Amino acid sequence: MIAFRLPALGADMDEGTLLEWQVKPGDTVKKGQIIAVVDTSKAAIDVESWHEGTVAELLVTPGTKIPVGTPMAMFLEPGEAPGAVTRQPDMPGAARPLPPPQTRRMASPAARQAARERGIDIDTIAGTGHGGVITLADVEHATPVGSAVTGDRAADIRKTIAAAMTRSKREIPHYYVAETIPLAAMLAWLA
């Protein structure tokens, strides 16, 4: 049994919020396959698996904020027989089983990304594309670009960047290098 833990997706990442799973129990996972989307303080990032195996159980529900290193899923190693997954005490949600997987709404990748950035639940949007597919235009009509959700997200990103720059200026030794470059010959040539 392999415990898949939330990796540090940046040098200053302490925690992340699981936005969505790209796999479900029973799926076979290869190294490098994207298995989840996690929201850090700066961006939504695709999380790849560095293990191969079969998804035995998803331990974290979407929308949950967890610290780096927290087990997110349990994988069966190649050739390992499925059995009862033994939960460890540090796994969040140990007392609650996950709800059964639901079918995803059909939406273009650009529409999903735009909805994620604007904080819109894709299931609340009516699709106007062929067969009811949600398009980027549907997401753009769902909320104006200058909505409060977008503004709050931008403010959070600016706050995180400012904190990182302040910490870097305060904690990392700095030095400055200067050199005089004679440009008289170049200026004469230019003239």
C-alpha atoms as a PDB file:
ATOM      1  CA  MET A   1       0.000   0.000   0.000  1.00  0.00           C
ATOM      2  CA  ILE A   2       1.361   3.407  -0.996  1.00  0.00           C
ATOM      3  CA  ALA A   3       0.241   6.622   0.710  1.00  0.00           C
ATOM      4  CA  PHE A   4       0.205   9.471  -1.808  1.00  0.00           C
ATOM      5  CA  ARG A   5       0.977  12.684   0.099  1.00  0.00           C
ATOM      6  CA  LEU A   6       0.468  16.324  -0.891  1.00  0.00           C
ATOM      7  CA  PRO A   7       3.828  17.455  -2.293  1.00  0.00           C
ATOM      8  CA  ALA A   8       5.316  20.922  -1.824  1.00  0.00           C
ATOM      9  CA  LEU A   9       4.439  22.597  -5.115  1.00  0.00           C
ATOM     10  CA  GLY A  10       6.587  25.648  -4.416  1.00  0.00           C
ATOM     11  CA  ALA A  11       9.428  26.703  -2.141  1.00  0.00           C
ATOM     12  CA  ASP A  12       7.116  28.630   0.187  1.00  0.00           C
ATOM     13  CA  MET A  13       4.074  26.315   0.070  1.00  0.00           C
ATOM     14  CA  ASP A  14       2.854  25.137   3.476  1.00  0.00           C
ATOM     15  CA  GLU A  15      -0.660  24.004   2.548  1.00  0.00           C
ATOM     16  CA  GLY A  16      -3.002  23.611  -0.390  1.00  0.00           C
ATOM     17  CA  THR A  17      -6.685  23.194  -1.179  1.00  0.00           C
ATOM     18  CA  LEU A  18      -7.756  20.181  -3.226  1.00  0.00           C
ATOM     19  CA  LEU A  19      -9.904  21.495  -6.087  1.00  0.00           C
ATOM     20  CA  GLU A  20     -10.656  18.257  -7.923  1.00  0.00           C
ATOM     21  CA  TRP A  21      -9.551  14.674  -8.428  1.00  0.00           C
ATOM     22  CA  GLN A  22      -8.621  13.511 -11.930  1.00  0.00           C
ATOM     23  CA  VAL A  23      -8.814   9.829 -10.861  1.00  0.00           C
ATOM     24  CA  LYS A  24     -11.266   7.632  -8.975  1.00  0.00           C
ATOM     25  CA  PRO A  25     -10.910   4.421  -6.947  1.00  0.00           C
ATOM     26  CA  GLY A  26     -10.035   1.511  -9.218  1.00  0.00           C
ATOM     27  CA  ASP A  27      -8.161   3.633 -11.780  1.00  0.00           C
ATOM     28  CA  THR A  28      -4.665   2.555 -12.784  1.00  0.00           C
ATOM     29  CA  VAL A  29      -2.123   5.352 -12.308  1.00  0.00           C
ATOM     30  CA  LYS A  30       1.191   5.737 -14.150  1.00  0.00           C
ATOM     31  CA  LYS A  31       4.195   7.860 -13.145  1.00  0.00           C
ATOM     32  CA  GLY A  32       3.752  11.421 -14.382  1.00  0.00           C
ATOM     33  CA  GLN A  33      -0.033  11.127 -14.733  1.00  0.00           C
ATOM     34  CA  ILE A  34      -2.015  14.115 -13.416  1.00  0.00           C
ATOM     35  CA  ILE A  35      -4.185  12.862 -10.578  1.00  0.00           C
ATOM     36  CA  ALA A  36      -5.445  16.034  -8.885  1.00  0.00           C
ATOM     37  CA  VAL A  37      -5.669  19.815  -9.107  1.00  0.00           C
ATOM     38  CA  VAL A  38      -4.513  21.686  -5.991  1.00  0.00           C
ATOM     39  CA  ASP A  39      -4.922  25.396  -5.299  1.00  0.00           C
ATOM     40  CA  THR A  40      -1.870  26.977  -3.689  1.00  0.00           C
ATOM     41  CA  SER A  41      -1.708  30.574  -2.535  1.00  0.00           C
ATOM     42  CA  LYS A  42      -0.496  31.552  -6.033  1.00  0.00           C
ATOM     43  CA  ALA A  43      -2.219  29.299  -8.586  1.00  0.00           C
ATOM     44  CA  ALA A  44      -4.131  26.110  -9.305  1.00  0.00           C
ATOM     45  CA  ILE A  45      -1.539  23.423 -10.074  1.00  0.00           C
ATOM     46  CA  ASP A  46      -1.876  19.959 -11.592  1.00  0.00           C
ATOM     47  CA  VAL A  47      -0.402  17.320  -9.261  1.00  0.00           C
ATOM     48  CA  GLU A  48       1.365  14.389 -10.906  1.00  0.00           C
ATOM     49  CA  SER A  49       1.833  10.943  -9.442  1.00  0.00           C
ATOM     50  CA  TRP A  50       5.366   9.697  -8.918  1.00  0.00           C
ATOM     51  CA  HIS A  51       4.042   6.215  -8.101  1.00  0.00           C
ATOM     52  CA  GLU A  52       2.529   3.509 -10.265  1.00  0.00           C
ATOM     53  CA  GLY A  53      -0.382   1.465  -9.018  1.00  0.00           C
ATOM     54  CA  THR A  54      -4.139   1.360  -8.627  1.00  0.00           C
ATOM     55  CA  VAL A  55      -6.135   3.951  -6.694  1.00  0.00           C
ATOM     56  CA  ALA A  56      -7.500   2.155  -3.625  1.00  0.00           C
ATOM     57  CA  GLU A  57      -9.080   5.120  -1.862  1.00  0.00           C
ATOM     58  CA  LEU A  58      -9.265   8.914  -2.056  1.00  0.00           C
ATOM     59  CA  LEU A  59      -8.746  10.282   1.449  1.00  0.00           C
ATOM     60  CA  VAL A  60      -9.383  14.007   0.925  1.00  0.00           C
ATOM     61  CA  THR A  61     -12.566  15.549  -0.415  1.00  0.00           C
ATOM     62  CA  PRO A  62     -12.407  18.461  -2.882  1.00  0.00           C
ATOM     63  CA  GLY A  63     -12.522  21.820  -1.135  1.00  0.00           C
ATOM     64  CA  THR A  64     -10.447  20.613   1.829  1.00  0.00           C
ATOM     65  CA  LYS A  65      -7.349  22.614   2.808  1.00  0.00           C
ATOM     66  CA  ILE A  66      -4.511  20.334   3.955  1.00  0.00           C
ATOM     67  CA  PRO A  67      -0.861  20.842   4.947  1.00  0.00           C
ATOM     68  CA  VAL A  68       2.014  19.625   2.767  1.00  0.00           C
ATOM     69  CA  GLY A  69       2.811  15.976   3.496  1.00  0.00           C
ATOM     70  CA  THR A  70      -0.767  14.968   4.344  1.00  0.00           C
ATOM     71  CA  PRO A  71      -1.856  11.658   2.775  1.00  0.00           C
ATOM     72  CA  MET A  72      -4.329  12.390  -0.021  1.00  0.00           C
ATOM     73  CA  ALA A  73      -4.911   8.923  -1.476  1.00  0.00           C
ATOM     74  CA  MET A  74      -3.937   5.298  -1.036  1.00  0.00           C
ATOM     75  CA  PHE A  75      -2.561   3.317  -3.983  1.00  0.00           C
ATOM     76  CA  LEU A  76      -2.222  -0.435  -4.338  1.00  0.00           C
ATOM     77  CA  GLU A  77       1.234  -1.374  -5.586  1.00  0.00           C
ATOM     78  CA  PRO A  78       1.356  -3.229  -8.925  1.00  0.00           C
ATOM     79  CA  GLY A  79       0.313  -6.820  -8.218  1.00  0.00           C
ATOM     80  CA  GLU A  80      -1.052  -6.042  -4.744  1.00  0.00           C
ATOM     81  CA  ALA A  81      -4.505  -7.481  -4.073  1.00  0.00           C
ATOM     82  CA  PRO A  82      -7.235  -5.086  -3.020  1.00  0.00           C
ATOM     83  CA  GLY A  83      -8.179  -5.403   0.610  1.00  0.00           C
ATOM     84  CA  ALA A  84      -9.265  -3.262   3.493  1.00  0.00           C
ATOM     85  CA  VAL A  85      -7.413   0.033   3.480  1.00  0.00           C
ATOM     86  CA  THR A  86      -5.985   0.664   6.914  1.00  0.00           C
ATOM     87  CA  ARG A  87      -6.171   4.329   7.744  1.00  0.00           C
ATOM     88  CA  GLN A  88      -3.423   5.995   9.688  1.00  0.00           C
ATOM     89  CA  PRO A  89      -4.246   8.471  12.473  1.00  0.00           C
ATOM     90  CA  ASP A  90      -2.729  11.422  10.566  1.00  0.00           C
ATOM     91  CA  MET A  91      -5.065  11.036   7.598  1.00  0.00           C
ATOM     92  CA  PRO A  92      -7.780  13.704   7.470  1.00  0.00           C
ATOM     93  CA  GLY A  93     -11.354  12.551   7.200  1.00  0.00           C
ATOM     94  CA  ALA A  94     -10.526   9.155   8.717  1.00  0.00           C
ATOM     95  CA  ALA A  95     -14.008   8.770  10.144  1.00  0.00           C
ATOM     96  CA  ARG A  96     -15.937   9.698   6.982  1.00  0.00           C
ATOM     97  CA  PRO A  97     -16.150   7.605   3.845  1.00  0.00           C
ATOM     98  CA  LEU A  98     -16.028   9.577   0.602  1.00  0.00           C
ATOM     99  CA  PRO A  99     -19.200  10.044  -1.414  1.00  0.00           C
ATOM    100  CA  PRO A 100     -19.516   7.947  -4.562  1.00  0.00           C
ATOM    101  CA  PRO A 101     -17.915   9.536  -7.629  1.00  0.00           C
ATOM    102  CA  GLN A 102     -20.240  11.713  -9.671  1.00  0.00           C
ATOM    103  CA  THR A 103     -20.272  12.172 -13.410  1.00  0.00           C
ATOM    104  CA  ARG A 104     -18.544  15.318 -14.632  1.00  0.00           C
ATOM    105  CA  ARG A 105     -20.329  17.949 -16.679  1.00  0.00           C
ATOM    106  CA  MET A 106     -19.059  18.284 -20.214  1.00  0.00           C
ATOM    107  CA  ALA A 107     -17.011  21.487 -20.514  1.00  0.00           C
ATOM    108  CA  SER A 108     -14.093  22.694 -22.577  1.00  0.00           C
ATOM    109  CA  PRO A 109     -10.718  22.833 -20.772  1.00  0.00           C
ATOM    110  CA  ALA A 110     -10.650  26.625 -21.179  1.00  0.00           C
ATOM    111  CA  ALA A 111     -14.119  26.860 -19.598  1.00  0.00           C
ATOM    112  CA  ARG A 112     -13.057  24.681 -16.632  1.00  0.00           C
ATOM    113  CA  GLN A 113      -9.934  26.802 -16.080  1.00  0.00           C
ATOM    114  CA  ALA A 114     -11.903  30.065 -16.293  1.00  0.00           C
ATOM    115  CA  ALA A 115     -14.551  28.757 -13.885  1.00  0.00           C
ATOM    116  CA  ARG A 116     -11.844  27.653 -11.441  1.00  0.00           C
ATOM    117  CA  GLU A 117     -10.137  31.072 -11.612  1.00  0.00           C
ATOM    118  CA  ARG A 118     -13.436  32.890 -11.025  1.00  0.00           C
ATOM    119  CA  GLY A 119     -14.552  30.568  -8.224  1.00  0.00           C
ATOM    120  CA  ILE A 120     -17.632  29.396 -10.126  1.00  0.00           C
ATOM    121  CA  ASP A 121     -19.088  25.925  -9.676  1.00  0.00           C
ATOM    122  CA  ILE A 122     -19.139  24.487 -13.214  1.00  0.00           C
ATOM    123  CA  ASP A 123     -22.354  22.571 -12.385  1.00  0.00           C
ATOM    124  CA  THR A 124     -24.279  25.853 -11.963  1.00  0.00           C
ATOM    125  CA  ILE A 125     -23.653  26.967 -15.556  1.00  0.00           C
ATOM    126  CA  ALA A 126     -25.953  26.069 -18.444  1.00  0.00           C
ATOM    127  CA  GLY A 127     -23.988  24.897 -21.474  1.00  0.00           C
ATOM    128  CA  THR A 128     -24.793  26.347 -24.898  1.00  0.00           C
ATOM    129  CA  GLY A 129     -22.295  24.288 -26.878  1.00  0.00           C
ATOM    130  CA  HIS A 130     -23.058  21.208 -28.994  1.00  0.00           C
ATOM    131  CA  GLY A 131     -24.825  18.658 -26.783  1.00  0.00           C
ATOM    132  CA  GLY A 132     -24.931  21.053 -23.804  1.00  0.00           C
ATOM    133  CA  VAL A 133     -21.144  21.425 -23.509  1.00  0.00           C
ATOM    134  CA  ILE A 134     -20.123  24.400 -21.352  1.00  0.00           C
ATOM    135  CA  THR A 135     -18.014  26.838 -23.365  1.00  0.00           C
ATOM    136  CA  LEU A 136     -15.681  29.653 -22.328  1.00  0.00           C
ATOM    137  CA  ALA A 137     -18.367  32.155 -23.380  1.00  0.00           C
ATOM    138  CA  ASP A 138     -20.853  30.469 -20.990  1.00  0.00           C
ATOM    139  CA  VAL A 139     -18.415  30.954 -18.094  1.00  0.00           C
ATOM    140  CA  GLU A 140     -17.720  34.569 -19.080  1.00  0.00           C
ATOM    141  CA  HIS A 141     -21.464  35.303 -19.138  1.00  0.00           C
ATOM    142  CA  ALA A 142     -21.943  33.626 -15.742  1.00  0.00           C
ATOM    143  CA  THR A 143     -19.992  36.376 -13.952  1.00  0.00           C
ATOM    144  CA  PRO A 144     -18.424  39.605 -15.067  1.00  0.00           C
ATOM    145  CA  VAL A 145     -14.626  39.678 -15.286  1.00  0.00           C
ATOM    146  CA  GLY A 146     -14.364  42.295 -12.513  1.00  0.00           C
ATOM    147  CA  SER A 147     -16.351  40.244  -9.999  1.00  0.00           C
ATOM    148  CA  ALA A 148     -15.525  40.249  -6.307  1.00  0.00           C
ATOM    149  CA  VAL A 149     -14.292  36.644  -6.461  1.00  0.00           C
ATOM    150  CA  THR A 150     -11.674  37.502  -9.095  1.00  0.00           C
ATOM    151  CA  GLY A 151     -10.625  40.603  -7.145  1.00  0.00           C
ATOM    152  CA  ASP A 152     -10.262  38.653  -3.901  1.00  0.00           C
ATOM    153  CA  ARG A 153      -8.147  36.014  -5.649  1.00  0.00           C
ATOM    154  CA  ALA A 154      -5.900  38.696  -7.175  1.00  0.00           C
ATOM    155  CA  ALA A 155      -5.534  40.375  -3.771  1.00  0.00           C
ATOM    156  CA  ASP A 156      -4.549  37.038  -2.191  1.00  0.00           C
ATOM    157  CA  ILE A 157      -1.927  36.459  -4.891  1.00  0.00           C
ATOM    158  CA  ARG A 158      -0.477  39.969  -4.425  1.00  0.00           C
ATOM    159  CA  LYS A 159      -0.395  39.474  -0.639  1.00  0.00           C
ATOM    160  CA  THR A 160       1.473  36.154  -1.013  1.00  0.00           C
ATOM    161  CA  ILE A 161       3.998  37.637  -3.445  1.00  0.00           C
ATOM    162  CA  ALA A 162       4.571  40.643  -1.176  1.00  0.00           C
ATOM    163  CA  ALA A 163       5.183  38.373   1.837  1.00  0.00           C
ATOM    164  CA  ALA A 164       7.664  36.248  -0.145  1.00  0.00           C
ATOM    165  CA  MET A 165       9.559  39.312  -1.418  1.00  0.00           C
ATOM    166  CA  THR A 166       9.720  40.840   2.074  1.00  0.00           C
ATOM    167  CA  ARG A 167      10.984  37.561   3.567  1.00  0.00           C
ATOM    168  CA  SER A 168      13.554  37.224   0.784  1.00  0.00           C
ATOM    169  CA  LYS A 169      14.850  40.782   1.305  1.00  0.00           C
ATOM    170  CA  ARG A 170      15.013  40.269   5.074  1.00  0.00           C
ATOM    171  CA  GLU A 171      16.476  36.737   5.274  1.00  0.00           C
ATOM    172  CA  ILE A 172      18.628  36.219   2.166  1.00  0.00           C
ATOM    173  CA  PRO A 173      22.012  37.985   2.069  1.00  0.00           C
ATOM    174  CA  HIS A 174      22.207  40.508  -0.776  1.00  0.00           C
ATOM    175  CA  TYR A 175      25.210  41.957  -2.572  1.00  0.00           C
ATOM    176  CA  TYR A 176      25.436  44.416  -5.404  1.00  0.00           C
ATOM    177  CA  VAL A 177      27.969  44.479  -8.248  1.00  0.00           C
ATOM    178  CA  ALA A 178      28.793  47.546 -10.307  1.00  0.00           C
ATOM    179  CA  GLU A 179      31.190  48.087 -13.199  1.00  0.00           C
ATOM    180  CA  THR A 180      32.093  51.174 -15.188  1.00  0.00           C
ATOM    181  CA  ILE A 181      31.805  50.689 -18.955  1.00  0.00           C
ATOM    182  CA  PRO A 182      33.584  53.201 -21.209  1.00  0.00           C
ATOM    183  CA  LEU A 183      31.131  54.246 -23.949  1.00  0.00           C
ATOM    184  CA  ALA A 184      32.961  57.209 -25.505  1.00  0.00           C
ATOM    185  CA  ALA A 185      34.095  55.232 -28.578  1.00  0.00           C
ATOM    186  CA  MET A 186      30.588  53.805 -29.084  1.00  0.00           C
ATOM    187  CA  LEU A 187      28.931  57.218 -28.784  1.00  0.00           C
ATOM    188  CA  ALA A 188      31.421  58.712 -31.264  1.00  0.00           C
ATOM    189  CA  TRP A 189      30.687  55.887 -33.714  1.00  0.00           C
ATOM    190  CA  LEU A 190      26.939  56.369 -33.252  1.00  0.00           C
ATOM    191  CA  ALA A 191      27.204  60.105 -33.898  1.00  0.00           C
END
